[in-house]
Amino acid sequence: MCNIKIHETQPLLNLKLDRVMQDIVYKLVPGLQESEDKRIKEFYQSRGLERIIQPSGEGKYHHVDR
């Protein structure tokens, strides 16, 4: 990690998901997407939480089956 601060009081303010980069990495690394999906699912299940995602291009949230 670099030592450059983007925002002094809210350093995570300008972070955003890069879907294009994510898609490229998933295509280059076999099994990574499935592994990530499994870890996320296990994380939520272990805490008894429902996973809520926002599909790209839509403004409505929906629940993902546990």
C-alpha atoms as a PDB file:
ATOM      1  CA  MET A   1       0.000   0.000   0.000  1.00  0.00           C
ATOM      2  CA  CYS A   2       1.175   3.509  -0.703  1.00  0.00           C
ATOM      3  CA  ASN A   3       1.410   6.220   1.926  1.00  0.00           C
ATOM      4  CA  ILE A   4      -0.719   8.753   0.025  1.00  0.00           C
ATOM      5  CA  LYS A   5      -3.814   9.886   1.910  1.00  0.00           C
ATOM      6  CA  ILE A   6      -6.772  10.589  -0.344  1.00  0.00           C
ATOM      7  CA  HIS A   7      -8.898  12.251   2.335  1.00  0.00           C
ATOM      8  CA  GLU A   8      -7.557  13.105   5.794  1.00  0.00           C
ATOM      9  CA  THR A   9     -10.671  12.365   7.884  1.00  0.00           C
ATOM     10  CA  GLN A  10     -12.467   9.869   5.610  1.00  0.00           C
ATOM     11  CA  PRO A  11      -9.786   7.840   3.794  1.00  0.00           C
ATOM     12  CA  LEU A  12     -12.302   5.364   2.315  1.00  0.00           C
ATOM     13  CA  LEU A  13     -14.574   8.084   0.929  1.00  0.00           C
ATOM     14  CA  ASN A  14     -13.445   7.882  -2.698  1.00  0.00           C
ATOM     15  CA  LEU A  15     -12.926   4.138  -3.024  1.00  0.00           C
ATOM     16  CA  LYS A  16     -15.116   2.502  -5.615  1.00  0.00           C
ATOM     17  CA  LEU A  17     -15.503  -0.854  -7.265  1.00  0.00           C
ATOM     18  CA  ASP A  18     -13.879  -1.261 -10.682  1.00  0.00           C
ATOM     19  CA  ARG A  19     -16.089  -3.837 -12.435  1.00  0.00           C
ATOM     20  CA  VAL A  20     -13.980  -3.902 -15.600  1.00  0.00           C
ATOM     21  CA  MET A  21     -10.785  -4.635 -13.676  1.00  0.00           C
ATOM     22  CA  GLN A  22     -12.612  -7.220 -11.565  1.00  0.00           C
ATOM     23  CA  ASP A  23     -13.911  -8.972 -14.695  1.00  0.00           C
ATOM     24  CA  ILE A  24     -10.418  -9.039 -16.223  1.00  0.00           C
ATOM     25  CA  VAL A  25      -8.860 -10.500 -13.074  1.00  0.00           C
ATOM     26  CA  TYR A  26     -11.598 -13.131 -12.788  1.00  0.00           C
ATOM     27  CA  LYS A  27     -10.932 -14.185 -16.404  1.00  0.00           C
ATOM     28  CA  LEU A  28      -7.173 -14.353 -15.874  1.00  0.00           C
ATOM     29  CA  VAL A  29      -7.237 -16.307 -12.593  1.00  0.00           C
ATOM     30  CA  PRO A  30      -9.066 -19.643 -12.894  1.00  0.00           C
ATOM     31  CA  GLY A  31     -11.439 -20.361 -10.003  1.00  0.00           C
ATOM     32  CA  LEU A  32     -10.978 -16.979  -8.318  1.00  0.00           C
ATOM     33  CA  GLN A  33     -14.559 -15.786  -8.772  1.00  0.00           C
ATOM     34  CA  GLU A  34     -16.011 -19.014  -7.397  1.00  0.00           C
ATOM     35  CA  SER A  35     -13.572 -18.881  -4.475  1.00  0.00           C
ATOM     36  CA  GLU A  36     -14.482 -15.261  -3.700  1.00  0.00           C
ATOM     37  CA  ASP A  37     -18.203 -16.018  -3.911  1.00  0.00           C
ATOM     38  CA  LYS A  38     -17.766 -18.979  -1.551  1.00  0.00           C
ATOM     39  CA  ARG A  39     -15.791 -16.916   1.001  1.00  0.00           C
ATOM     40  CA  ILE A  40     -18.362 -14.124   0.935  1.00  0.00           C
ATOM     41  CA  LYS A  41     -21.220 -16.591   1.397  1.00  0.00           C
ATOM     42  CA  GLU A  42     -19.411 -18.293   4.315  1.00  0.00           C
ATOM     43  CA  PHE A  43     -18.675 -14.910   5.917  1.00  0.00           C
ATOM     44  CA  TYR A  44     -22.331 -13.907   5.963  1.00  0.00           C
ATOM     45  CA  GLN A  45     -23.538 -17.366   7.021  1.00  0.00           C
ATOM     46  CA  SER A  46     -21.074 -17.522   9.925  1.00  0.00           C
ATOM     47  CA  ARG A  47     -22.504 -14.259  11.264  1.00  0.00           C
ATOM     48  CA  GLY A  48     -26.157 -15.090  10.613  1.00  0.00           C
ATOM     49  CA  LEU A  49     -26.479 -12.167   8.208  1.00  0.00           C
ATOM     50  CA  GLU A  50     -28.346 -11.829   4.941  1.00  0.00           C
ATOM     51  CA  ARG A  51     -26.251 -10.755   2.008  1.00  0.00           C
ATOM     52  CA  ILE A  52     -27.737  -7.799   0.161  1.00  0.00           C
ATOM     53  CA  ILE A  53     -26.340  -6.853  -3.222  1.00  0.00           C
ATOM     54  CA  GLN A  54     -27.132  -4.172  -5.772  1.00  0.00           C
ATOM     55  CA  PRO A  55     -27.164  -5.456  -9.344  1.00  0.00           C
ATOM     56  CA  SER A  56     -25.295  -3.205 -11.751  1.00  0.00           C
ATOM     57  CA  GLY A  57     -27.533  -0.781 -13.566  1.00  0.00           C
ATOM     58  CA  GLU A  58     -30.395  -1.108 -11.105  1.00  0.00           C
ATOM     59  CA  GLY A  59     -31.187   1.021  -8.084  1.00  0.00           C
ATOM     60  CA  LYS A  60     -32.991  -1.677  -6.124  1.00  0.00           C
ATOM     61  CA  TYR A  61     -31.364  -3.955  -3.580  1.00  0.00           C
ATOM     62  CA  HIS A  62     -32.309  -7.598  -3.225  1.00  0.00           C
ATOM     63  CA  HIS A  63     -31.449 -10.457  -0.907  1.00  0.00           C
ATOM     64  CA  VAL A  64     -29.182 -13.291  -1.960  1.00  0.00           C
ATOM     65  CA  ASP A  65     -30.141 -16.792  -0.863  1.00  0.00           C
ATOM     66  CA  ARG A  66     -28.087 -18.121   1.986  1.00  0.00           C
END
